[in-house]
Amino acid sequence: YGKNTIKFLRLHREGKKHFIKEVEVCTHLRLTSAQEYLEGNNSLVIPTDTMKNIVLVLAKKNGIPTIEQFAIDICKHFMTTFCQVAYVKTYVQEVPWQRLHENSVPHVHSFICVPDGIRFCEAEQCRNGPLVLSAGIKDLKLMKTTQSGFEGFFKNEHTTLPERHDRILCGELFCKWSYGECRDFDFDSIWNKIRECILEAFAGPPDCGEYSPSYQKTVNSIQMHILSKVSQVQVIETVLNNVFYNVLDMKNLGLTNDKEVQIPVETPYGFCTCTLGRK
């Protein structure tokens, strides 16, 4: 049981310069006894309202240097404070605020929300076990307008999809990686490096790109690139939801449409997923 969607903003001041973290937290517990379920005995139950208050108090006292460290702090607090807790899991995601710049000068207290991927993390621990940490990025929408195709696929009497050697590749990416047992990592640097790897593998070289024969191959290329560049990552799970575009037939309007006007097909949508780890 637990408390979901605890939302708040943590403001940190250093003189005139302000720093913000706006987060959403979900914290789940499993107790050593099931007596509240079997007997209606609530004597060991930590109310979910108390759980919410603990999260807010920890944010006030410790701040949020990174969402990963904050998730670790929450897990450690429940494990060290309540002997009836057998397992704790905490999920934290961050609103993508970025400091506003005016004429390349960073503003001291103004920010802009840039929806270019949601950063999240998850920490979990069993009593007498290690604290295990994972992190990720979701809702990252990517597109390339060429250097993508889909050919040579299996066909039967139900196949109507034409082969394409030049198409738009667009998708919404979810990527979650495991650090294994928690260590003292520079989580900000690692997250930024992984995001950079995702963009590099998806797009290819900036002057020419790199051909993708399928969404599946793109997912694998992203994962292989991350594992080759970021040694701290042990396992990585990736989901790519396909956003398909149809070329609009404009002949009835007296126009030839050379893939210049295309209509997105939002539903139904395809997806592919893969989990890749080190040996």
Protein backbone atom coordinates (compact mmCIF):
# COMPACT_ATOMS: atom_id res chain seq x y z
CA TYR A 1 0.00 0.00 0.00
CA GLY A 2 1.15 3.57 -0.22
CA LYS A 3 0.68 7.16 -1.30
CA ASN A 4 0.70 8.18 -4.95
CA THR A 5 1.09 11.51 -6.73
CA ILE A 6 2.61 13.62 -3.96
CA LYS A 7 3.31 16.81 -5.91
CA PHE A 8 5.29 19.80 -4.66
CA LEU A 9 7.90 22.40 -5.52
CA ARG A 10 11.13 22.69 -3.52
CA LEU A 11 12.76 26.13 -3.70
CA HIS A 12 16.40 26.61 -2.70
CA ARG A 13 17.94 30.08 -2.40
CA GLU A 14 21.58 31.08 -2.63
CA GLY A 15 21.47 34.83 -2.24
CA LYS A 16 19.64 36.28 -5.23
CA LYS A 17 19.94 33.05 -7.21
CA HIS A 18 17.10 30.55 -6.86
CA PHE A 19 17.03 26.83 -7.68
CA ILE A 20 13.88 24.73 -8.07
CA LYS A 21 12.84 21.09 -8.18
CA GLU A 22 9.19 20.32 -8.87
CA VAL A 23 8.51 16.63 -8.37
CA GLU A 24 5.86 13.95 -8.14
CA VAL A 25 6.50 11.18 -5.62
CA CYS A 26 4.90 7.76 -5.09
CA THR A 27 5.92 5.74 -2.04
CA HIS A 28 4.81 2.15 -1.42
CA LEU A 29 5.35 -0.07 1.62
CA ARG A 30 4.94 -3.73 2.49
CA LEU A 31 4.73 -4.52 6.19
CA THR A 32 6.08 -7.53 8.08
CA SER A 33 2.53 -8.56 9.02
CA ALA A 34 -0.73 -8.81 7.08
CA GLN A 35 -2.90 -8.42 10.17
CA GLU A 36 -4.55 -5.28 8.83
CA TYR A 37 -5.86 -7.37 5.91
CA LEU A 38 -6.66 -10.58 7.78
CA GLU A 39 -7.87 -9.28 11.14
CA GLY A 40 -8.61 -5.59 10.62
CA ASN A 41 -5.86 -4.76 13.12
CA ASN A 42 -4.30 -1.43 12.09
CA SER A 43 -1.74 -1.16 14.91
CA LEU A 44 1.26 -1.49 12.55
CA VAL A 45 -0.17 0.52 9.66
CA ILE A 46 1.63 3.78 8.87
CA PRO A 47 -1.15 6.00 7.47
CA THR A 48 -0.62 7.14 3.91
CA ASP A 49 -1.14 10.71 5.09
CA THR A 50 1.84 10.22 7.41
CA MET A 51 3.83 8.90 4.46
CA LYS A 52 2.99 12.05 2.51
CA ASN A 53 4.08 14.25 5.42
CA ILE A 54 7.37 12.35 5.75
CA VAL A 55 8.15 12.99 2.08
CA LEU A 56 7.47 16.71 2.50
CA VAL A 57 9.52 16.93 5.71
CA LEU A 58 12.49 15.18 4.07
CA ALA A 59 12.28 17.63 1.16
CA LYS A 60 12.33 20.53 3.61
CA LYS A 61 15.19 19.17 5.74
CA ASN A 62 17.44 17.56 3.10
CA GLY A 63 16.53 19.43 -0.06
CA ILE A 64 16.57 17.62 -3.41
CA PRO A 65 20.12 17.65 -4.79
CA THR A 66 18.98 15.05 -7.35
CA ILE A 67 15.76 13.07 -7.58
CA GLU A 68 17.82 9.88 -7.24
CA GLN A 69 19.29 11.02 -3.92
CA PHE A 70 15.84 12.10 -2.73
CA ALA A 71 14.40 8.65 -3.52
CA ILE A 72 17.29 7.07 -1.62
CA ASP A 73 16.65 9.37 1.37
CA ILE A 74 12.97 8.36 1.46
CA CYS A 75 13.72 4.64 1.32
CA LYS A 76 16.38 4.88 4.02
CA HIS A 77 14.07 6.86 6.29
CA PHE A 78 11.29 4.26 6.20
CA MET A 79 13.72 1.37 6.67
CA THR A 80 15.57 2.93 9.60
CA THR A 81 12.54 4.48 11.34
CA PHE A 82 9.87 1.76 11.17
CA CYS A 83 10.76 -1.81 12.16
CA GLN A 84 7.43 -3.08 10.75
CA VAL A 85 8.43 -2.11 7.18
CA ALA A 86 9.60 -5.15 5.19
CA TYR A 87 9.88 -3.45 1.79
CA VAL A 88 9.83 0.09 0.45
CA LYS A 89 9.71 1.44 -3.09
CA THR A 90 9.82 5.11 -4.05
CA TYR A 91 9.22 6.60 -7.48
CA VAL A 92 10.12 10.23 -8.23
CA GLN A 93 9.67 12.16 -11.45
CA GLU A 94 10.73 15.73 -12.15
CA VAL A 95 8.97 18.53 -14.03
CA PRO A 96 11.40 19.68 -16.77
CA TRP A 97 12.01 23.26 -15.63
CA GLN A 98 15.08 24.96 -17.10
CA ARG A 99 16.63 28.25 -16.11
CA LEU A 100 15.60 31.10 -18.39
CA HIS A 101 18.38 32.86 -20.31
CA GLU A 102 18.20 36.41 -21.63
CA ASN A 103 20.88 37.31 -24.19
CA SER A 104 22.80 34.20 -23.05
CA VAL A 105 22.74 35.42 -19.43
CA PRO A 106 21.13 32.98 -16.93
CA HIS A 107 18.28 34.56 -15.00
CA VAL A 108 18.56 34.40 -11.22
CA HIS A 109 14.94 33.43 -10.51
CA SER A 110 13.02 32.78 -13.75
CA PHE A 111 12.47 29.40 -15.39
CA ILE A 112 10.81 27.87 -18.45
CA CYS A 113 9.18 24.45 -18.68
CA VAL A 114 10.68 22.58 -21.64
CA PRO A 115 8.87 19.28 -22.36
CA ASP A 116 11.83 17.46 -23.93
CA GLY A 117 11.60 14.32 -21.81
CA ILE A 118 10.58 13.60 -18.22
CA ARG A 119 13.31 12.49 -15.83
CA PHE A 120 12.33 9.83 -13.30
CA CYS A 121 13.87 7.34 -10.89
CA GLU A 122 12.89 4.45 -8.64
CA ALA A 123 14.55 3.18 -5.47
CA GLU A 124 13.54 0.00 -3.67
CA GLN A 125 14.80 -2.03 -0.76
CA CYS A 126 13.88 -5.13 1.21
CA ARG A 127 14.82 -5.31 4.86
CA ASN A 128 18.34 -6.75 5.22
CA GLY A 129 18.82 -6.32 1.48
CA PRO A 130 20.65 -3.77 -0.69
CA LEU A 131 19.02 -0.59 -1.93
CA VAL A 132 18.53 -0.95 -5.70
CA LEU A 133 18.26 2.13 -7.88
CA SER A 134 17.02 2.72 -11.41
CA ALA A 135 16.46 5.90 -13.39
CA GLY A 136 15.14 6.91 -16.75
CA ILE A 137 13.57 9.28 -19.23
CA LYS A 138 10.05 9.10 -20.65
CA ASP A 139 7.76 11.08 -22.97
CA LEU A 140 10.75 11.96 -25.16
CA LYS A 141 9.33 12.56 -28.64
CA LEU A 142 11.81 12.16 -31.49
CA MET A 143 11.56 12.47 -35.28
CA LYS A 144 13.73 12.18 -38.33
CA THR A 145 12.24 12.96 -41.73
CA THR A 146 14.38 10.60 -43.83
CA GLN A 147 17.00 7.86 -43.47
CA SER A 148 14.34 5.41 -42.32
CA GLY A 149 12.45 2.61 -44.01
CA PHE A 150 10.63 -0.67 -43.46
CA GLU A 151 11.07 -3.39 -46.09
CA GLY A 152 11.31 -7.14 -46.42
CA PHE A 153 8.77 -7.89 -43.69
CA PHE A 154 6.59 -11.02 -43.56
CA LYS A 155 3.50 -10.84 -45.76
CA ASN A 156 0.32 -12.88 -46.10
CA GLU A 157 -3.27 -12.38 -47.29
CA HIS A 158 -3.92 -9.85 -44.49
CA THR A 159 -0.97 -7.58 -45.33
CA THR A 160 -1.91 -4.18 -46.77
CA LEU A 161 1.08 -2.15 -45.56
CA PRO A 162 3.34 -1.13 -48.46
CA GLU A 163 7.10 -1.36 -48.18
CA ARG A 164 8.83 1.97 -47.69
CA HIS A 165 12.49 2.78 -48.19
CA ASP A 166 12.15 6.45 -47.26
CA ARG A 167 9.74 7.44 -44.51
CA ILE A 168 9.41 9.60 -41.42
CA LEU A 169 10.54 7.83 -38.26
CA CYS A 170 8.78 9.34 -35.27
CA GLY A 171 8.22 7.91 -31.83
CA GLU A 172 7.77 8.56 -28.15
CA LEU A 173 10.57 7.00 -26.13
CA PHE A 174 10.60 5.44 -22.67
CA CYS A 175 14.02 4.42 -21.39
CA LYS A 176 14.77 2.98 -17.93
CA TRP A 177 18.14 1.79 -16.73
CA SER A 178 19.36 0.05 -13.60
CA TYR A 179 22.42 1.04 -11.59
CA GLY A 180 22.17 -2.18 -9.58
CA GLU A 181 23.04 -1.73 -5.92
CA CYS A 182 23.09 1.94 -5.00
CA ARG A 183 26.45 3.71 -5.17
CA ASP A 184 27.71 7.26 -4.94
CA PHE A 185 27.29 8.25 -8.59
CA ASP A 186 27.06 11.68 -10.22
CA PHE A 187 23.44 11.13 -11.21
CA ASP A 188 23.03 14.44 -13.06
CA SER A 189 26.04 13.79 -15.30
CA ILE A 190 25.01 10.20 -16.02
CA TRP A 191 21.43 11.18 -16.89
CA ASN A 192 22.60 13.93 -19.23
CA LYS A 193 25.12 11.58 -20.86
CA ILE A 194 22.46 8.92 -21.46
CA ARG A 195 20.08 11.46 -22.96
CA GLU A 196 22.90 12.57 -25.26
CA CYS A 197 23.53 8.92 -26.26
CA ILE A 198 19.84 8.45 -27.08
CA LEU A 199 19.84 11.45 -29.40
CA GLU A 200 23.12 10.44 -31.07
CA ALA A 201 21.98 6.86 -31.73
CA PHE A 202 18.55 7.92 -32.96
CA ALA A 203 19.71 10.65 -35.33
CA GLY A 204 23.18 9.60 -36.48
CA PRO A 205 25.84 12.09 -37.68
CA PRO A 206 24.42 15.64 -38.00
CA ASP A 207 25.41 16.08 -41.65
CA CYS A 208 24.01 12.84 -43.04
CA GLY A 209 22.20 10.84 -40.35
CA GLU A 210 22.14 7.05 -40.22
CA TYR A 211 19.69 4.71 -41.93
CA SER A 212 17.21 2.84 -39.74
CA PRO A 213 15.63 -0.29 -41.27
CA SER A 214 13.09 -0.62 -38.43
CA TYR A 215 11.98 0.73 -35.08
CA GLN A 216 13.42 -2.42 -33.51
CA LYS A 217 16.89 -1.75 -34.91
CA THR A 218 16.71 1.84 -33.68
CA VAL A 219 15.86 0.65 -30.16
CA ASN A 220 18.79 -1.78 -30.18
CA SER A 221 21.17 0.89 -31.49
CA ILE A 222 20.16 3.23 -28.67
CA GLN A 223 20.71 0.56 -26.02
CA MET A 224 24.05 -0.61 -27.41
CA HIS A 225 25.30 2.97 -27.61
CA ILE A 226 24.35 3.65 -23.99
CA LEU A 227 25.98 0.46 -22.70
CA SER A 228 29.17 1.24 -24.63
CA LYS A 229 29.42 4.80 -23.29
CA VAL A 230 28.04 4.61 -19.73
CA SER A 231 29.74 1.97 -17.60
CA GLN A 232 27.49 2.54 -14.56
CA VAL A 233 24.42 1.18 -16.38
CA GLN A 234 23.86 -2.56 -15.88
CA VAL A 235 20.48 -3.18 -17.56
CA ILE A 236 18.43 -0.95 -19.84
CA GLU A 237 14.78 -1.24 -20.86
CA THR A 238 13.52 0.74 -23.84
CA VAL A 239 10.04 1.20 -25.30
CA LEU A 240 9.46 3.13 -28.53
CA ASN A 241 5.87 3.98 -29.43
CA ASN A 242 5.41 4.54 -33.15
CA VAL A 243 3.85 7.76 -34.47
CA PHE A 244 2.93 6.99 -38.09
CA TYR A 245 2.52 9.60 -40.86
CA ASN A 246 0.48 9.11 -44.03
CA VAL A 247 1.27 11.11 -47.15
CA LEU A 248 -1.84 13.08 -48.10
CA ASP A 249 -3.18 12.43 -51.60
CA MET A 250 -3.72 15.93 -53.07
CA LYS A 251 -4.52 14.93 -56.66
CA ASN A 252 -8.17 15.99 -56.26
CA LEU A 253 -6.83 19.44 -55.40
CA GLY A 254 -4.75 19.52 -58.56
CA LEU A 255 -1.47 19.20 -56.66
CA THR A 256 1.39 16.72 -56.54
CA ASN A 257 2.38 16.01 -52.95
CA ASP A 258 6.02 14.92 -52.76
CA LYS A 259 5.75 13.84 -49.09
CA GLU A 260 5.54 17.51 -48.13
CA VAL A 261 2.14 17.30 -46.41
CA GLN A 262 1.64 14.31 -44.12
CA ILE A 263 -1.08 13.42 -41.62
CA PRO A 264 -0.21 11.84 -38.25
CA VAL A 265 -2.03 8.62 -37.33
CA GLU A 266 -2.23 8.65 -33.54
CA THR A 267 -4.29 5.48 -32.98
CA PRO A 268 -3.92 2.61 -33.23
CA TYR A 269 -0.16 2.75 -32.81
CA GLY A 270 2.59 0.18 -32.89
CA PHE A 271 5.40 -0.14 -30.38
CA CYS A 272 8.50 -2.19 -29.76
CA THR A 273 10.32 -2.93 -26.53
CA CYS A 274 13.60 -4.52 -25.57
CA THR A 275 15.58 -5.11 -22.39
CA LEU A 276 19.34 -5.42 -22.74
CA GLY A 277 21.94 -6.05 -20.05
CA ARG A 278 25.58 -6.81 -19.51
CA LYS A 279 26.77 -10.40 -19.12
